[in-house]
Amino acid sequence: MGFDSIPEDVEQFIRKRIDSVAQLEALLMTRSAPQAEWSVAVLAKRLYVSEKQAADLLARLFTDGFLIKAGSPSLYQYQPNSDELRQLVVRHAKDDGLRVQPLGCGGESRHAEA
Protein backbone atom coordinates (compact mmCIF):
# COMPACT_ATOMS: atom_id res chain seq x y z
CA MET A 1 0.00 0.00 0.00
CA GLY A 2 1.39 3.42 -0.95
CA PHE A 3 0.49 6.99 -0.24
CA ASP A 4 -2.10 7.15 -3.03
CA SER A 5 -4.92 7.53 -0.52
CA ILE A 6 -3.56 10.53 1.42
CA PRO A 7 -2.85 14.11 0.35
CA GLU A 8 0.70 14.98 -0.71
CA ASP A 9 1.20 17.55 2.06
CA VAL A 10 0.21 14.97 4.68
CA GLU A 11 2.63 12.45 3.14
CA GLN A 12 5.44 14.99 3.30
CA PHE A 13 4.54 15.83 6.89
CA ILE A 14 4.83 12.16 7.87
CA ARG A 15 8.08 11.62 5.96
CA LYS A 16 9.75 14.69 7.46
CA ARG A 17 8.37 14.84 10.99
CA ILE A 18 7.38 11.34 12.16
CA ASP A 19 10.04 8.74 12.98
CA SER A 20 8.09 5.89 14.54
CA VAL A 21 4.70 4.34 15.09
CA ALA A 22 4.95 5.28 18.75
CA GLN A 23 5.61 8.93 17.86
CA LEU A 24 2.61 9.02 15.53
CA GLU A 25 0.41 7.35 18.15
CA ALA A 26 1.60 9.79 20.84
CA LEU A 27 0.84 12.73 18.57
CA LEU A 28 -2.64 11.51 17.67
CA MET A 29 -3.37 10.51 21.26
CA THR A 30 -2.44 13.93 22.64
CA ARG A 31 -4.44 15.55 19.84
CA SER A 32 -7.50 13.48 20.78
CA ALA A 33 -7.53 15.09 24.25
CA PRO A 34 -6.13 18.60 23.73
CA GLN A 35 -7.19 19.81 27.19
CA ALA A 36 -5.42 16.92 28.94
CA GLU A 37 -2.06 17.31 30.61
CA TRP A 38 0.15 14.37 29.69
CA SER A 39 2.81 12.98 32.00
CA VAL A 40 5.50 10.48 31.09
CA ALA A 41 3.84 7.81 33.24
CA VAL A 42 0.39 8.27 31.69
CA LEU A 43 1.68 8.27 28.12
CA ALA A 44 3.86 5.21 28.80
CA LYS A 45 0.88 3.32 30.19
CA ARG A 46 -1.45 4.33 27.33
CA LEU A 47 1.07 3.45 24.60
CA TYR A 48 2.49 0.35 26.30
CA VAL A 49 6.04 1.71 26.13
CA SER A 50 8.73 2.30 28.74
CA GLU A 51 8.77 5.55 30.67
CA LYS A 52 12.09 6.40 29.01
CA GLN A 53 10.56 5.99 25.57
CA ALA A 54 7.50 8.02 26.62
CA ALA A 55 9.78 10.78 27.95
CA ASP A 56 11.68 10.80 24.66
CA LEU A 57 8.41 10.95 22.67
CA LEU A 58 7.05 13.86 24.71
CA ALA A 59 10.36 15.72 24.49
CA ARG A 60 10.50 15.24 20.71
CA LEU A 61 6.90 16.36 20.20
CA PHE A 62 7.60 19.40 22.39
CA THR A 63 10.78 20.26 20.48
CA ASP A 64 8.97 19.82 17.15
CA GLY A 65 6.27 22.29 18.19
CA PHE A 66 3.34 19.93 18.73
CA LEU A 67 3.16 20.21 22.53
CA ILE A 68 3.61 22.88 25.18
CA LYS A 69 4.66 22.54 28.81
CA ALA A 70 1.52 22.58 30.93
CA GLY A 71 1.44 23.55 34.57
CA SER A 72 4.67 21.87 35.56
CA PRO A 73 7.84 21.00 33.67
CA SER A 74 6.88 17.32 33.57
CA LEU A 75 3.41 17.82 32.02
CA TYR A 76 2.67 18.45 28.36
CA GLN A 77 -0.40 19.54 26.44
CA TYR A 78 -1.25 19.33 22.74
CA GLN A 79 -0.97 22.79 21.22
CA PRO A 80 0.84 23.04 17.88
CA ASN A 81 2.85 26.22 17.48
CA SER A 82 1.31 27.09 14.10
CA ASP A 83 -2.05 26.79 12.38
CA GLU A 84 -0.34 25.04 9.46
CA LEU A 85 1.04 22.34 11.75
CA ARG A 86 -2.34 21.96 13.48
CA GLN A 87 -4.12 21.56 10.13
CA LEU A 88 -1.66 18.92 8.89
CA VAL A 89 -2.25 16.86 12.04
CA VAL A 90 -6.02 17.29 11.69
CA ARG A 91 -5.88 16.21 8.05
CA HIS A 92 -3.77 13.16 8.86
CA ALA A 93 -6.05 12.14 11.71
CA LYS A 94 -9.14 12.65 9.55
CA ASP A 95 -7.80 10.98 6.41
CA ASP A 96 -5.92 8.15 8.02
CA GLY A 97 -6.80 7.71 11.69
CA LEU A 98 -4.23 5.60 13.51
CA ARG A 99 -3.37 3.53 10.45
CA VAL A 100 0.28 4.00 9.52
CA GLN A 101 1.26 4.09 5.86
CA PRO A 102 4.47 2.40 4.65
CA LEU A 103 7.10 5.05 3.96
CA GLY A 104 10.10 3.20 2.56
CA CYS A 105 10.85 1.91 -0.89
CA GLY A 106 9.68 -1.55 -1.79
CA GLY A 107 7.03 -1.69 0.93
CA GLU A 108 9.44 -1.16 3.83
CA SER A 109 8.21 1.11 6.60
CA ARG A 110 10.14 3.81 8.42
CA HIS A 111 7.73 3.20 11.27
CA ALA A 112 8.87 -0.27 12.28
CA GLU A 113 9.22 -0.56 16.03
CA ALA A 114 12.56 -1.69 17.40
C-alpha atoms as a PDB file:
ATOM      1  CA  MET A   1       0.000   0.000   0.000  1.00  0.00           C
ATOM      2  CA  GLY A   2       1.386   3.418  -0.945  1.00  0.00           C
ATOM      3  CA  PHE A   3       0.492   6.992  -0.241  1.00  0.00           C
ATOM      4  CA  ASP A   4      -2.103   7.146  -3.030  1.00  0.00           C
ATOM      5  CA  SER A   5      -4.923   7.534  -0.520  1.00  0.00           C
ATOM      6  CA  ILE A   6      -3.562  10.528   1.424  1.00  0.00           C
ATOM      7  CA  PRO A   7      -2.850  14.106   0.346  1.00  0.00           C
ATOM      8  CA  GLU A   8       0.696  14.982  -0.714  1.00  0.00           C
ATOM      9  CA  ASP A   9       1.197  17.550   2.061  1.00  0.00           C
ATOM     10  CA  VAL A  10       0.213  14.968   4.679  1.00  0.00           C
ATOM     11  CA  GLU A  11       2.625  12.451   3.136  1.00  0.00           C
ATOM     12  CA  GLN A  12       5.444  14.995   3.297  1.00  0.00           C
ATOM     13  CA  PHE A  13       4.535  15.827   6.888  1.00  0.00           C
ATOM     14  CA  ILE A  14       4.828  12.157   7.871  1.00  0.00           C
ATOM     15  CA  ARG A  15       8.076  11.621   5.961  1.00  0.00           C
ATOM     16  CA  LYS A  16       9.753  14.686   7.459  1.00  0.00           C
ATOM     17  CA  ARG A  17       8.370  14.841  10.994  1.00  0.00           C
ATOM     18  CA  ILE A  18       7.383  11.339  12.157  1.00  0.00           C
ATOM     19  CA  ASP A  19      10.038   8.738  12.979  1.00  0.00           C
ATOM     20  CA  SER A  20       8.092   5.886  14.541  1.00  0.00           C
ATOM     21  CA  VAL A  21       4.697   4.336  15.085  1.00  0.00           C
ATOM     22  CA  ALA A  22       4.950   5.284  18.754  1.00  0.00           C
ATOM     23  CA  GLN A  23       5.607   8.927  17.857  1.00  0.00           C
ATOM     24  CA  LEU A  24       2.606   9.024  15.528  1.00  0.00           C
ATOM     25  CA  GLU A  25       0.410   7.350  18.153  1.00  0.00           C
ATOM     26  CA  ALA A  26       1.604   9.788  20.841  1.00  0.00           C
ATOM     27  CA  LEU A  27       0.843  12.732  18.570  1.00  0.00           C
ATOM     28  CA  LEU A  28      -2.637  11.505  17.671  1.00  0.00           C
ATOM     29  CA  MET A  29      -3.366  10.509  21.259  1.00  0.00           C
ATOM     30  CA  THR A  30      -2.440  13.927  22.640  1.00  0.00           C
ATOM     31  CA  ARG A  31      -4.443  15.554  19.839  1.00  0.00           C
ATOM     32  CA  SER A  32      -7.503  13.475  20.778  1.00  0.00           C
ATOM     33  CA  ALA A  33      -7.531  15.090  24.247  1.00  0.00           C
ATOM     34  CA  PRO A  34      -6.128  18.601  23.734  1.00  0.00           C
ATOM     35  CA  GLN A  35      -7.190  19.812  27.194  1.00  0.00           C
ATOM     36  CA  ALA A  36      -5.425  16.918  28.936  1.00  0.00           C
ATOM     37  CA  GLU A  37      -2.060  17.308  30.613  1.00  0.00           C
ATOM     38  CA  TRP A  38       0.151  14.373  29.685  1.00  0.00           C
ATOM     39  CA  SER A  39       2.811  12.979  32.000  1.00  0.00           C
ATOM     40  CA  VAL A  40       5.497  10.483  31.095  1.00  0.00           C
ATOM     41  CA  ALA A  41       3.840   7.810  33.243  1.00  0.00           C
ATOM     42  CA  VAL A  42       0.390   8.274  31.693  1.00  0.00           C
ATOM     43  CA  LEU A  43       1.681   8.266  28.116  1.00  0.00           C
ATOM     44  CA  ALA A  44       3.857   5.206  28.804  1.00  0.00           C
ATOM     45  CA  LYS A  45       0.881   3.322  30.190  1.00  0.00           C
ATOM     46  CA  ARG A  46      -1.452   4.326  27.328  1.00  0.00           C
ATOM     47  CA  LEU A  47       1.073   3.448  24.601  1.00  0.00           C
ATOM     48  CA  TYR A  48       2.491   0.347  26.305  1.00  0.00           C
ATOM     49  CA  VAL A  49       6.039   1.712  26.130  1.00  0.00           C
ATOM     50  CA  SER A  50       8.730   2.301  28.743  1.00  0.00           C
ATOM     51  CA  GLU A  51       8.774   5.550  30.668  1.00  0.00           C
ATOM     52  CA  LYS A  52      12.090   6.396  29.008  1.00  0.00           C
ATOM     53  CA  GLN A  53      10.557   5.986  25.568  1.00  0.00           C
ATOM     54  CA  ALA A  54       7.498   8.022  26.621  1.00  0.00           C
ATOM     55  CA  ALA A  55       9.783  10.778  27.955  1.00  0.00           C
ATOM     56  CA  ASP A  56      11.679  10.797  24.656  1.00  0.00           C
ATOM     57  CA  LEU A  57       8.411  10.950  22.672  1.00  0.00           C
ATOM     58  CA  LEU A  58       7.053  13.856  24.709  1.00  0.00           C
ATOM     59  CA  ALA A  59      10.356  15.724  24.494  1.00  0.00           C
ATOM     60  CA  ARG A  60      10.504  15.244  20.713  1.00  0.00           C
ATOM     61  CA  LEU A  61       6.897  16.358  20.203  1.00  0.00           C
ATOM     62  CA  PHE A  62       7.599  19.400  22.388  1.00  0.00           C
ATOM     63  CA  THR A  63      10.781  20.256  20.476  1.00  0.00           C
ATOM     64  CA  ASP A  64       8.973  19.821  17.147  1.00  0.00           C
ATOM     65  CA  GLY A  65       6.269  22.289  18.189  1.00  0.00           C
ATOM     66  CA  PHE A  66       3.338  19.925  18.728  1.00  0.00           C
ATOM     67  CA  LEU A  67       3.159  20.210  22.534  1.00  0.00           C
ATOM     68  CA  ILE A  68       3.606  22.879  25.175  1.00  0.00           C
ATOM     69  CA  LYS A  69       4.659  22.537  28.808  1.00  0.00           C
ATOM     70  CA  ALA A  70       1.522  22.582  30.931  1.00  0.00           C
ATOM     71  CA  GLY A  71       1.444  23.548  34.572  1.00  0.00           C
ATOM     72  CA  SER A  72       4.673  21.866  35.563  1.00  0.00           C
ATOM     73  CA  PRO A  73       7.844  20.996  33.666  1.00  0.00           C
ATOM     74  CA  SER A  74       6.876  17.325  33.572  1.00  0.00           C
ATOM     75  CA  LEU A  75       3.414  17.817  32.023  1.00  0.00           C
ATOM     76  CA  TYR A  76       2.671  18.445  28.359  1.00  0.00           C
ATOM     77  CA  GLN A  77      -0.404  19.536  26.443  1.00  0.00           C
ATOM     78  CA  TYR A  78      -1.245  19.326  22.745  1.00  0.00           C
ATOM     79  CA  GLN A  79      -0.971  22.786  21.219  1.00  0.00           C
ATOM     80  CA  PRO A  80       0.845  23.036  17.876  1.00  0.00           C
ATOM     81  CA  ASN A  81       2.850  26.220  17.485  1.00  0.00           C
ATOM     82  CA  SER A  82       1.308  27.094  14.101  1.00  0.00           C
ATOM     83  CA  ASP A  83      -2.053  26.787  12.384  1.00  0.00           C
ATOM     84  CA  GLU A  84      -0.343  25.038   9.458  1.00  0.00           C
ATOM     85  CA  LEU A  85       1.036  22.336  11.750  1.00  0.00           C
ATOM     86  CA  ARG A  86      -2.335  21.962  13.481  1.00  0.00           C
ATOM     87  CA  GLN A  87      -4.122  21.561  10.129  1.00  0.00           C
ATOM     88  CA  LEU A  88      -1.660  18.917   8.895  1.00  0.00           C
ATOM     89  CA  VAL A  89      -2.253  16.855  12.037  1.00  0.00           C
ATOM     90  CA  VAL A  90      -6.019  17.289  11.695  1.00  0.00           C
ATOM     91  CA  ARG A  91      -5.879  16.214   8.054  1.00  0.00           C
ATOM     92  CA  HIS A  92      -3.772  13.158   8.856  1.00  0.00           C
ATOM     93  CA  ALA A  93      -6.052  12.145  11.713  1.00  0.00           C
ATOM     94  CA  LYS A  94      -9.136  12.646   9.551  1.00  0.00           C
ATOM     95  CA  ASP A  95      -7.797  10.978   6.408  1.00  0.00           C
ATOM     96  CA  ASP A  96      -5.918   8.154   8.024  1.00  0.00           C
ATOM     97  CA  GLY A  97      -6.801   7.705  11.692  1.00  0.00           C
ATOM     98  CA  LEU A  98      -4.233   5.598  13.514  1.00  0.00           C
ATOM     99  CA  ARG A  99      -3.365   3.526  10.451  1.00  0.00           C
ATOM    100  CA  VAL A 100       0.283   4.000   9.515  1.00  0.00           C
ATOM    101  CA  GLN A 101       1.255   4.094   5.860  1.00  0.00           C
ATOM    102  CA  PRO A 102       4.470   2.401   4.648  1.00  0.00           C
ATOM    103  CA  LEU A 103       7.104   5.049   3.958  1.00  0.00           C
ATOM    104  CA  GLY A 104      10.096   3.203   2.557  1.00  0.00           C
ATOM    105  CA  CYS A 105      10.852   1.913  -0.890  1.00  0.00           C
ATOM    106  CA  GLY A 106       9.682  -1.552  -1.788  1.00  0.00           C
ATOM    107  CA  GLY A 107       7.027  -1.694   0.928  1.00  0.00           C
ATOM    108  CA  GLU A 108       9.435  -1.160   3.833  1.00  0.00           C
ATOM    109  CA  SER A 109       8.213   1.107   6.602  1.00  0.00           C
ATOM    110  CA  ARG A 110      10.138   3.812   8.424  1.00  0.00           C
ATOM    111  CA  HIS A 111       7.729   3.202  11.266  1.00  0.00           C
ATOM    112  CA  ALA A 112       8.869  -0.268  12.276  1.00  0.00           C
ATOM    113  CA  GLU A 113       9.223  -0.562  16.026  1.00  0.00           C
ATOM    114  CA  ALA A 114      12.561  -1.687  17.395  1.00  0.00           C
END
